[in-house]
Protein backbone atom coordinates (compact mmCIF):
# COMPACT_ATOMS: atom_id res chain seq x y z
CA MET A 1 -9.89 22.44 13.46
CA THR A 2 -6.35 23.20 14.06
CA LYS A 3 -4.04 20.31 13.84
CA ASN A 4 -1.99 18.98 15.96
CA THR A 5 1.42 17.85 13.37
CA ILE A 6 4.19 17.21 15.86
CA TYR A 7 4.64 13.59 16.04
CA LEU A 8 4.35 13.73 12.16
CA ASP A 9 6.86 16.64 12.01
CA ALA A 10 9.38 14.43 14.14
CA LEU A 11 9.36 11.52 11.97
CA ALA A 12 10.33 14.02 9.05
CA ASN A 13 13.08 15.64 11.39
CA LYS A 14 11.29 18.69 11.50
CA LYS A 15 12.51 21.11 14.19
CA GLN A 16 10.39 20.85 17.34
CA THR A 17 9.14 22.96 20.10
CA LYS A 18 7.76 20.03 22.10
CA ILE A 19 8.42 16.59 22.05
CA PRO A 20 5.36 14.27 20.62
CA VAL A 21 4.20 10.94 22.54
CA TRP A 22 2.34 8.51 21.99
CA PHE A 23 1.67 5.04 24.24
CA MET A 24 1.43 1.76 22.24
CA ARG A 25 -2.12 0.33 23.76
CA GLN A 26 -3.17 3.55 24.33
CA ALA A 27 -6.65 2.75 23.75
CA GLY A 28 -8.16 -0.10 25.11
CA ARG A 29 -7.44 -1.90 28.54
CA SER A 30 -6.90 0.59 31.08
CA LEU A 31 -9.12 2.85 30.68
CA PRO A 32 -12.83 2.83 32.66
CA GLU A 33 -14.17 4.26 29.54
CA TYR A 34 -12.74 1.75 27.47
CA LYS A 35 -14.36 -0.83 29.33
CA LYS A 36 -17.98 0.41 29.72
CA ILE A 37 -17.81 1.02 25.70
CA LYS A 38 -16.89 -2.58 25.17
CA GLY A 39 -18.76 -3.91 28.11
CA ASP A 40 -19.13 -8.05 27.68
CA ASP A 41 -18.32 -7.83 23.55
CA SER A 42 -15.40 -9.75 22.29
CA ILE A 43 -12.75 -7.33 20.29
CA LEU A 44 -14.02 -8.75 17.22
CA LYS A 45 -17.47 -7.99 17.55
CA VAL A 46 -16.31 -4.20 18.58
CA LEU A 47 -13.99 -3.82 15.20
CA ASN A 48 -17.23 -4.49 13.03
CA ASP A 49 -19.24 -1.61 14.94
CA PRO A 50 -17.27 1.72 13.39
CA ASP A 51 -19.01 4.17 16.19
CA ARG A 52 -17.86 1.74 18.82
CA SER A 53 -14.18 1.60 17.34
CA ALA A 54 -13.73 5.17 16.45
CA THR A 55 -14.98 6.37 19.65
CA ILE A 56 -12.28 3.53 21.77
CA THR A 57 -9.49 4.93 18.74
CA LEU A 58 -9.90 8.31 20.24
CA GLN A 59 -10.75 8.08 23.78
CA PRO A 60 -7.00 8.14 25.13
CA VAL A 61 -6.56 11.35 23.17
CA GLU A 62 -9.42 13.13 24.97
CA ARG A 63 -8.10 11.60 28.13
CA TYR A 64 -4.28 11.45 27.92
CA ASN A 65 -4.08 14.51 25.61
CA VAL A 66 -1.55 12.33 23.50
CA ASP A 67 -0.15 13.87 19.78
CA ALA A 68 -1.31 10.77 17.55
CA ALA A 69 -4.32 7.76 17.56
CA VAL A 70 -3.71 4.23 17.26
CA LEU A 71 -6.20 2.43 15.12
CA TYR A 72 -8.04 0.36 17.67
CA SER A 73 -7.69 -2.75 15.91
CA ASP A 74 -5.76 -5.78 16.17
CA ILE A 75 -2.69 -7.77 13.91
CA MET A 76 -4.74 -10.28 13.31
CA VAL A 77 -7.60 -8.60 11.86
CA PRO A 78 -6.08 -9.32 7.95
CA LEU A 79 -5.78 -12.53 8.53
CA ILE A 80 -9.27 -12.99 9.37
CA ALA A 81 -10.54 -10.85 6.13
CA SER A 82 -8.30 -13.24 4.31
CA GLY A 83 -10.55 -16.08 5.40
CA ILE A 84 -8.15 -17.75 8.28
CA ASP A 85 -10.48 -18.58 11.11
CA ILE A 86 -8.92 -17.14 14.14
CA THR A 87 -10.81 -15.88 17.52
CA ILE A 88 -9.37 -13.72 19.97
CA GLU A 89 -9.78 -15.76 23.71
CA GLU A 90 -9.58 -13.48 27.07
CA GLY A 91 -7.04 -13.96 28.36
CA VAL A 92 -5.84 -15.91 26.12
CA GLY A 93 -4.84 -14.33 22.69
CA PRO A 94 -5.58 -15.02 18.52
CA VAL A 95 -6.42 -18.64 18.91
CA VAL A 96 -5.99 -20.19 15.04
CA LYS A 97 -8.31 -22.55 13.74
CA ASP A 98 -7.35 -23.47 10.65
CA THR A 99 -4.02 -25.64 9.61
CA ILE A 100 -1.64 -23.56 7.46
CA ASP A 101 1.12 -25.94 7.53
CA SER A 102 1.50 -27.12 4.37
CA THR A 103 1.79 -24.98 1.07
CA GLU A 104 -1.70 -26.62 0.07
CA GLY A 105 -2.70 -24.76 3.67
CA LEU A 106 -2.19 -21.42 2.11
CA LYS A 107 -4.99 -21.33 -0.33
CA ILE A 108 -7.02 -20.42 2.46
CA MET A 109 -5.89 -16.86 2.77
CA ASN A 110 -7.85 -14.79 -0.25
CA THR A 111 -6.84 -11.20 -0.22
CA GLU A 112 -9.36 -10.38 -2.96
CA ILE A 113 -12.51 -10.87 -0.43
CA MET A 114 -10.09 -8.53 1.84
CA ASP A 115 -12.31 -5.13 0.97
CA LEU A 116 -15.27 -6.59 1.60
CA ASN A 117 -14.59 -8.04 5.05
CA LEU A 118 -12.74 -4.80 6.07
CA GLY A 119 -15.55 -2.68 5.63
CA ALA A 120 -16.43 -1.83 9.26
CA GLN A 121 -12.48 -0.95 9.59
CA ILE A 122 -12.85 1.49 6.45
CA GLU A 123 -15.35 3.53 7.94
CA THR A 124 -13.76 3.23 11.70
CA ILE A 125 -11.08 5.49 9.85
CA LYS A 126 -13.32 8.00 7.96
CA GLN A 127 -15.18 8.51 10.90
CA ILE A 128 -11.86 9.05 13.27
CA LYS A 129 -10.43 11.72 10.33
CA HIS A 130 -13.75 13.27 10.12
CA ILE A 131 -13.45 14.65 13.55
CA SER A 132 -10.04 14.22 15.06
CA ASN A 133 -7.07 16.88 14.72
CA VAL A 134 -4.44 14.47 15.52
CA PRO A 135 -2.62 12.49 13.57
CA LEU A 136 -4.29 8.65 12.92
CA ILE A 137 -1.46 5.55 12.97
CA GLY A 138 -2.48 2.51 11.26
CA PHE A 139 -0.62 -0.88 12.10
CA VAL A 140 -0.23 -4.34 10.80
CA GLY A 141 1.54 -7.53 12.03
CA ALA A 142 4.83 -8.20 10.23
CA PRO A 143 4.77 -11.30 8.60
CA PHE A 144 6.57 -13.92 10.70
CA THR A 145 5.13 -12.24 13.50
CA LEU A 146 1.72 -13.41 12.04
CA ALA A 147 3.42 -16.26 11.05
CA CYS A 148 4.04 -17.36 14.65
CA TYR A 149 0.40 -17.22 15.26
CA LEU A 150 -0.90 -19.30 12.10
CA ILE A 151 1.96 -22.43 13.08
CA ASP A 152 2.21 -22.40 16.63
CA LYS A 153 -1.94 -21.65 16.86
CA ARG A 154 -1.72 -19.47 20.05
CA PRO A 155 0.88 -17.20 22.16
CA THR A 156 3.65 -19.54 23.53
CA ARG A 157 6.75 -18.96 24.93
CA ASN A 158 9.14 -19.89 22.40
CA TRP A 159 7.62 -20.22 19.19
CA THR A 160 8.95 -23.89 19.06
CA LYS A 161 6.63 -24.75 16.22
CA THR A 162 7.56 -21.80 14.42
CA GLN A 163 11.48 -22.15 14.76
CA LEU A 164 11.42 -25.79 13.80
CA VAL A 165 9.42 -24.72 10.44
CA ILE A 166 12.59 -22.70 9.64
CA LEU A 167 14.85 -25.16 10.34
CA LYS A 168 13.04 -28.31 8.83
CA ASP A 169 10.75 -26.95 5.71
CA PRO A 170 12.45 -23.45 4.55
CA LEU A 171 10.69 -23.38 1.63
CA PHE A 172 7.58 -23.59 3.28
CA MET A 173 8.31 -20.61 5.55
CA LYS A 174 9.34 -18.81 2.41
CA SER A 175 6.39 -19.16 1.23
CA LEU A 176 4.10 -18.26 3.82
CA LEU A 177 6.05 -15.42 4.47
CA ILE A 178 5.20 -14.11 0.48
CA LYS A 179 1.89 -14.72 1.06
CA LEU A 180 1.91 -12.91 4.35
CA THR A 181 3.86 -9.62 2.87
CA ASP A 182 0.95 -9.69 0.13
CA ILE A 183 -1.75 -9.59 2.96
CA VAL A 184 -0.18 -7.38 4.89
CA ILE A 185 -0.07 -4.93 1.90
CA LYS A 186 -3.34 -5.33 0.93
CA SER A 187 -4.65 -4.11 4.46
CA LEU A 188 -2.11 -1.34 4.32
CA SER A 189 -3.43 -0.06 0.92
CA ILE A 190 -7.14 -0.21 2.35
CA GLN A 191 -5.73 1.53 5.78
CA ILE A 192 -3.92 4.01 3.44
CA GLU A 193 -6.37 4.94 1.19
CA ALA A 194 -8.98 5.32 3.98
CA GLY A 195 -6.80 8.12 5.52
CA ILE A 196 -3.94 6.87 7.85
CA ASP A 197 -1.31 9.43 8.33
CA ALA A 198 1.17 7.04 9.54
CA VAL A 199 1.67 3.17 10.07
CA GLN A 200 3.80 1.28 12.62
CA ILE A 201 5.01 -2.41 11.67
CA PHE A 202 4.41 -4.58 14.88
CA ASP A 203 7.08 -7.53 14.41
CA SER A 204 7.14 -8.28 18.07
CA TRP A 205 8.47 -12.28 17.76
CA ALA A 206 11.08 -11.22 15.28
CA GLY A 207 13.76 -11.09 18.29
CA ILE A 208 13.64 -14.46 18.92
CA LEU A 209 15.61 -15.26 15.07
CA SER A 210 19.41 -15.13 14.94
CA ASN A 211 20.50 -11.92 12.65
CA ASP A 212 21.54 -14.52 10.34
CA LEU A 213 17.78 -15.97 10.15
CA PHE A 214 16.45 -12.43 9.91
CA ARG A 215 18.40 -11.33 6.84
CA GLU A 216 17.75 -14.61 5.43
CA PHE A 217 13.44 -14.93 6.21
CA LEU A 218 12.79 -11.33 7.04
CA LYS A 219 14.44 -8.99 5.36
CA GLU A 220 12.91 -9.08 2.08
CA PRO A 221 8.66 -9.34 2.93
CA LEU A 222 10.16 -6.08 5.28
CA LYS A 223 12.03 -4.18 2.70
CA LYS A 224 8.44 -4.64 0.34
CA ILE A 225 6.42 -3.59 2.94
CA ILE A 226 8.71 -0.65 3.92
CA ASP A 227 9.31 0.76 0.26
CA PHE A 228 5.25 0.17 -0.65
CA ILE A 229 4.54 2.15 2.57
CA LYS A 230 6.57 4.97 1.56
CA SER A 231 5.48 5.07 -1.92
CA LYS A 232 2.50 5.85 -1.03
CA ASN A 233 4.15 9.12 0.81
CA ILE A 234 2.82 7.85 4.85
CA PRO A 235 6.02 7.39 7.24
CA VAL A 236 5.94 4.11 8.64
CA THR A 237 7.85 3.22 11.68
CA TYR A 238 9.33 -0.43 12.81
CA PHE A 239 8.76 -1.81 16.22
CA GLY A 240 9.71 -5.28 17.47
CA LEU A 241 10.77 -6.33 20.95
CA ASN A 242 14.90 -8.34 21.58
CA ASN A 243 15.75 -7.27 18.90
CA PHE A 244 19.25 -5.04 19.40
CA VAL A 245 21.17 -7.77 17.10
CA GLN A 246 18.96 -6.93 14.18
CA LEU A 247 19.19 -3.30 14.06
CA SER A 248 21.47 -2.90 11.58
CA THR A 249 19.81 -4.81 9.23
CA ILE A 250 16.42 -3.06 10.40
CA SER A 251 18.36 0.05 9.78
CA SER A 252 19.12 -0.85 5.97
CA LEU A 253 15.47 -0.92 5.28
CA MET A 254 15.22 2.68 5.84
CA PRO A 255 11.90 2.95 7.66
CA THR A 256 10.93 6.23 8.33
CA CYS A 257 11.37 5.55 12.32
CA ILE A 258 12.65 3.10 14.31
CA SER A 259 10.98 2.16 18.08
CA LEU A 260 13.31 0.88 20.22
CA ASP A 261 12.26 -1.66 23.36
CA SER A 262 12.96 -1.06 27.02
CA THR A 263 15.91 -3.63 26.50
CA ILE A 264 17.75 -0.82 24.21
CA ASP A 265 20.09 2.42 25.23
CA LEU A 266 18.88 5.30 22.93
CA ASN A 267 22.00 6.47 22.74
CA GLN A 268 23.73 3.17 22.16
CA SER A 269 21.29 2.43 18.85
CA ARG A 270 22.04 5.66 17.23
CA THR A 271 25.74 3.96 17.03
CA ILE A 272 23.85 1.90 14.92
CA ILE A 273 20.97 3.88 13.40
CA THR A 274 21.63 5.80 10.39
CA GLY A 275 21.00 9.56 11.22
CA SER A 276 17.88 10.10 8.86
CA ILE A 277 15.94 7.38 10.61
CA SER A 278 13.85 8.84 13.45
CA LEU A 279 13.48 6.99 16.97
CA GLN A 280 10.78 6.16 19.02
CA GLY A 281 10.54 4.88 23.02
CA ASN A 282 11.18 3.66 24.98
CA LEU A 283 10.61 4.10 28.57
CA ASN A 284 10.04 0.62 30.54
CA PRO A 285 5.56 0.35 31.15
CA ILE A 286 6.34 -0.71 34.51
CA TYR A 287 7.72 2.60 35.62
CA CYS A 288 4.71 3.89 35.08
CA LEU A 289 2.99 1.71 37.87
CA ALA A 290 5.36 3.20 40.41
CA ASP A 291 5.22 6.56 42.18
CA PHE A 292 5.41 9.78 39.94
CA ASN A 293 8.51 10.82 40.99
CA ASN A 294 10.80 7.28 40.24
CA LEU A 295 7.98 7.74 36.78
CA LYS A 296 9.72 11.55 36.49
CA SER A 297 13.13 10.59 36.92
CA ALA A 298 13.20 7.39 34.72
CA THR A 299 10.98 9.25 32.11
CA GLU A 300 13.59 11.98 32.29
CA LYS A 301 16.55 9.95 31.44
CA VAL A 302 14.78 8.79 28.55
CA LEU A 303 14.20 11.96 27.62
CA ILE A 304 17.85 13.31 27.44
CA GLN A 305 19.02 10.04 26.02
CA GLY A 306 16.36 10.52 22.79
CA ILE A 307 16.89 14.16 22.91
CA ALA A 308 20.89 13.88 22.83
CA SER A 309 20.75 11.05 19.97
CA LYS A 310 19.52 13.34 17.91
CA ARG A 311 22.16 16.39 18.20
CA THR A 312 23.49 17.63 15.05
CA SER A 313 26.98 16.60 13.81
CA ALA A 314 28.03 20.11 14.19
CA SER A 315 27.27 20.60 18.17
CA SER A 316 27.29 18.82 20.28
CA ASP A 317 24.37 21.33 22.42
CA ILE A 318 21.41 19.66 23.26
CA LYS A 319 19.37 22.28 22.28
CA ASN A 320 20.36 22.44 19.09
CA LEU A 321 18.58 19.69 17.30
CA THR A 322 17.49 18.13 13.92
CA SER A 323 14.06 16.30 15.74
CA GLY A 324 13.34 13.29 14.94
CA TYR A 325 12.39 12.01 18.50
CA VAL A 326 8.70 10.35 19.53
CA PHE A 327 8.58 9.77 23.43
CA ASN A 328 6.97 6.24 23.61
CA LEU A 329 6.77 3.01 25.91
CA GLY A 330 8.82 0.02 25.15
CA HIS A 331 6.11 -2.04 24.84
CA GLY A 332 2.29 -1.51 25.36
CA VAL A 333 0.32 -0.17 28.56
CA LEU A 334 -0.03 -2.55 30.99
CA PRO A 335 -3.27 -3.25 32.43
CA ASP A 336 -3.13 -1.95 36.30
CA THR A 337 -1.54 1.57 34.76
CA ASP A 338 -3.88 4.06 36.30
CA PRO A 339 -5.36 6.51 33.91
CA LYS A 340 -4.34 9.93 35.92
CA THR A 341 -0.95 8.83 35.53
CA LEU A 342 -0.68 8.95 31.95
CA SER A 343 -2.17 12.58 31.74
CA LYS A 344 0.39 13.49 34.09
CA LEU A 345 3.24 12.28 32.16
CA VAL A 346 2.26 13.80 29.01
CA LYS A 347 1.95 17.06 30.35
CA PHE A 348 5.44 16.39 32.31
CA ILE A 349 7.31 15.49 28.79
CA HIS A 350 5.37 18.45 26.83
CA GLU A 351 6.50 21.35 29.55
CA TYR A 352 10.02 19.42 29.66
CA LYS A 353 12.68 21.89 28.52
CA PHE A 354 15.58 20.80 26.31
């Protein structure tokens, strides 16, 4: 089976013949074939069925011809596998039943039981690797983003309780982040051993913090996780929202790639992010709901920025590339997106002349 390696090549700064593309949340909610196979079952029930999980993971690869598959899972899975009582409610998101607001509460989380509880995920990864010709991206939630859910107990607008814990009990917050770092690394070790080819860290809520707080609370846990992944010779992408002020700090952690949301100019980011780090992003997903001419125009602007941000220092020629750019959205695929639109978009990107 011929392997499609252009996504991994871009992360490794190898020469590109075309621009690799995949979409965050490409597996799931916008696909009718996903809705058919999931039915009325909860995501957690489906995740315990490797056959269905593997099929769902590969549905967008078959439908869109994207250059990477992303494991069908949820950032809550490692927490649930460690013993925390969490449900994922339709239209709400994760709802945490356990109380983890003290050092005593940290004892609920047990990394020793995670292997047993993640057997279905291991089998899913092995099935995908056996039949897929594109790289498989595994993922985790970053410690702080996971902490937001544990402390606020369900998605909120401002994560007020979490921010107050940082101010009122910083020692507990650091203890919680240490524990969550251990859980994340355990989850990653299981995914890597099962066969994933790359990792994306989702740090969706880190952008609510100042850069000073980011450095004080988040930098060390993230560095430990990124260093662990890279020690396994696996490329790692970091993704956050509204985190322009944190880019310099994130860059200092030296992930393989930084994925940018739609609020950040790709060219401007390259003045902050070190040249050896690849870029991913960052079309606003709303354009995928617009007419295709508007979508093409917006996409071309992103492509030009992404490519131009990787010009060699010796030449301003846009064709003189060192690679290191992956096209993606600035956030996940919106539920109302027409799958035919994404198929046309992938074709447009693959055929784009640069």
